[in-house]
Amino acid sequence: KKVAKKKVAKKKAKKKVTKKKAKKKVTKKKAKKKVAKKKVAKKKAKKKVAKRKKR
């Protein structure tokens, strides 16, 4: 019985670690999206500046 409990505890510990890793992956994806949005915003701003110069 004691051995079985230890195995269960190890599984639970592993699950916690994988959850943390999963959360980190999600936050990384969100961070990448934010960076991508900023890049798009910069491109749009450059286009606006170019239009103004043409006028």
N, C-alpha and C. Protein backbone atom coordinates (compact mmCIF):
# COMPACT_ATOMS: atom_id res chain seq x y z
N LYS A 1 0.84 -1.21 0.00
CA LYS A 1 0.00 0.00 0.00
C LYS A 1 0.87 1.26 0.00
N LYS A 2 1.92 1.25 0.81
CA LYS A 2 2.78 2.44 0.88
C LYS A 2 3.41 2.73 -0.48
N VAL A 3 3.86 1.68 -1.14
CA VAL A 3 4.49 1.87 -2.46
C VAL A 3 3.49 2.46 -3.44
N ALA A 4 2.28 1.96 -3.42
CA ALA A 4 1.24 2.45 -4.32
C ALA A 4 1.00 3.95 -4.08
N LYS A 5 0.95 4.33 -2.81
CA LYS A 5 0.73 5.75 -2.50
C LYS A 5 1.85 6.62 -3.06
N LYS A 6 3.07 6.14 -2.97
CA LYS A 6 4.21 6.92 -3.47
C LYS A 6 4.07 7.13 -4.98
N LYS A 7 3.65 6.06 -5.67
CA LYS A 7 3.48 6.18 -7.12
C LYS A 7 2.42 7.22 -7.45
N VAL A 8 1.34 7.20 -6.72
CA VAL A 8 0.27 8.19 -6.95
C VAL A 8 0.81 9.60 -6.71
N ALA A 9 1.56 9.76 -5.66
CA ALA A 9 2.11 11.07 -5.34
C ALA A 9 3.02 11.55 -6.48
N LYS A 10 3.81 10.64 -7.02
CA LYS A 10 4.70 11.02 -8.13
C LYS A 10 3.89 11.46 -9.33
N LYS A 11 2.83 10.74 -9.62
CA LYS A 11 1.98 11.11 -10.76
C LYS A 11 1.40 12.49 -10.56
N LYS A 12 0.93 12.75 -9.35
CA LYS A 12 0.34 14.07 -9.07
C LYS A 12 1.40 15.16 -9.24
N ALA A 13 2.60 14.90 -8.77
CA ALA A 13 3.66 15.89 -8.89
C ALA A 13 3.95 16.15 -10.37
N LYS A 14 3.97 15.09 -11.17
CA LYS A 14 4.24 15.26 -12.60
C LYS A 14 3.14 16.08 -13.25
N LYS A 15 1.90 15.82 -12.85
CA LYS A 15 0.78 16.57 -13.43
C LYS A 15 0.94 18.06 -13.13
N LYS A 16 1.33 18.38 -11.93
CA LYS A 16 1.52 19.79 -11.56
C LYS A 16 2.58 20.42 -12.45
N VAL A 17 3.67 19.71 -12.67
CA VAL A 17 4.75 20.25 -13.50
C VAL A 17 4.25 20.47 -14.92
N THR A 18 3.53 19.48 -15.46
CA THR A 18 3.05 19.64 -16.84
C THR A 18 2.06 20.80 -16.93
N LYS A 19 1.26 20.99 -15.91
CA LYS A 19 0.33 22.12 -15.94
C LYS A 19 1.10 23.43 -15.98
N LYS A 20 2.14 23.52 -15.17
CA LYS A 20 2.95 24.74 -15.17
C LYS A 20 3.56 24.97 -16.56
N LYS A 21 4.08 23.90 -17.15
CA LYS A 21 4.68 24.02 -18.49
C LYS A 21 3.63 24.45 -19.49
N ALA A 22 2.45 23.88 -19.39
CA ALA A 22 1.37 24.23 -20.32
C ALA A 22 1.03 25.71 -20.18
N LYS A 23 0.96 26.18 -18.95
CA LYS A 23 0.64 27.59 -18.72
C LYS A 23 1.73 28.48 -19.32
N LYS A 24 2.98 28.09 -19.14
CA LYS A 24 4.08 28.88 -19.69
C LYS A 24 3.95 28.95 -21.21
N LYS A 25 3.61 27.82 -21.83
CA LYS A 25 3.46 27.81 -23.29
C LYS A 25 2.37 28.77 -23.71
N VAL A 26 1.28 28.77 -22.98
CA VAL A 26 0.17 29.66 -23.31
C VAL A 26 0.62 31.11 -23.18
N THR A 27 1.32 31.44 -22.11
CA THR A 27 1.76 32.83 -21.93
C THR A 27 2.75 33.22 -23.03
N LYS A 28 3.59 32.28 -23.45
CA LYS A 28 4.53 32.58 -24.53
C LYS A 28 3.77 32.89 -25.81
N LYS A 29 2.74 32.09 -26.08
CA LYS A 29 1.93 32.33 -27.29
C LYS A 29 1.29 33.71 -27.21
N LYS A 30 0.76 34.05 -26.06
CA LYS A 30 0.12 35.37 -25.89
C LYS A 30 1.15 36.47 -26.10
N ALA A 31 2.33 36.29 -25.56
CA ALA A 31 3.38 37.29 -25.70
C ALA A 31 3.74 37.46 -27.17
N LYS A 32 3.84 36.34 -27.89
CA LYS A 32 4.18 36.41 -29.31
C LYS A 32 3.09 37.16 -30.07
N LYS A 33 1.85 36.88 -29.73
CA LYS A 33 0.74 37.57 -30.41
C LYS A 33 0.83 39.07 -30.17
N LYS A 34 1.15 39.46 -28.95
CA LYS A 34 1.27 40.88 -28.63
C LYS A 34 2.38 41.51 -29.47
N VAL A 35 3.50 40.82 -29.58
CA VAL A 35 4.62 41.34 -30.38
C VAL A 35 4.19 41.47 -31.84
N ALA A 36 3.50 40.46 -32.34
CA ALA A 36 3.04 40.49 -33.73
C ALA A 36 2.10 41.67 -33.94
N LYS A 37 1.20 41.90 -33.00
CA LYS A 37 0.26 43.02 -33.11
C LYS A 37 1.03 44.34 -33.15
N LYS A 38 2.04 44.45 -32.32
CA LYS A 38 2.84 45.68 -32.30
C LYS A 38 3.50 45.90 -33.65
N LYS A 39 4.03 44.82 -34.24
CA LYS A 39 4.68 44.94 -35.55
C LYS A 39 3.68 45.40 -36.59
N VAL A 40 2.50 44.83 -36.56
CA VAL A 40 1.45 45.23 -37.51
C VAL A 40 1.12 46.71 -37.32
N ALA A 41 1.00 47.11 -36.08
CA ALA A 41 0.69 48.50 -35.78
C ALA A 41 1.78 49.42 -36.33
N LYS A 42 3.02 49.01 -36.18
CA LYS A 42 4.13 49.83 -36.69
C LYS A 42 4.05 49.95 -38.21
N LYS A 43 3.76 48.84 -38.87
CA LYS A 43 3.65 48.86 -40.33
C LYS A 43 2.56 49.83 -40.76
N LYS A 44 1.43 49.76 -40.09
CA LYS A 44 0.31 50.65 -40.42
C LYS A 44 0.73 52.10 -40.21
N ALA A 45 1.44 52.36 -39.12
CA ALA A 45 1.88 53.72 -38.83
C ALA A 45 2.82 54.21 -39.94
N LYS A 46 3.71 53.35 -40.40
CA LYS A 46 4.63 53.73 -41.47
C LYS A 46 3.87 54.07 -42.74
N LYS A 47 2.84 53.28 -43.04
CA LYS A 47 2.03 53.54 -44.24
C LYS A 47 1.37 54.90 -44.12
N LYS A 48 0.86 55.22 -42.94
CA LYS A 48 0.22 56.52 -42.73
C LYS A 48 1.22 57.64 -42.97
N VAL A 49 2.42 57.49 -42.45
CA VAL A 49 3.46 58.51 -42.63
C VAL A 49 3.77 58.67 -44.11
N ALA A 50 3.88 57.56 -44.82
CA ALA A 50 4.19 57.61 -46.25
C ALA A 50 3.08 58.34 -47.00
N LYS A 51 1.85 58.09 -46.66
CA LYS A 51 0.73 58.77 -47.32
C LYS A 51 0.81 60.26 -47.07
N ARG A 52 1.15 60.65 -45.88
CA ARG A 52 1.24 62.08 -45.54
C ARG A 52 2.34 62.74 -46.36
N LYS A 53 3.44 62.04 -46.51
CA LYS A 53 4.57 62.61 -47.27
C LYS A 53 4.18 62.82 -48.73
N LYS A 54 3.43 61.87 -49.27
CA LYS A 54 3.02 61.98 -50.68
C LYS A 54 2.16 63.22 -50.88
N ARG A 55 1.31 63.50 -49.90
CA ARG A 55 0.45 64.68 -50.02
C ARG A 55 1.32 65.92 -49.93
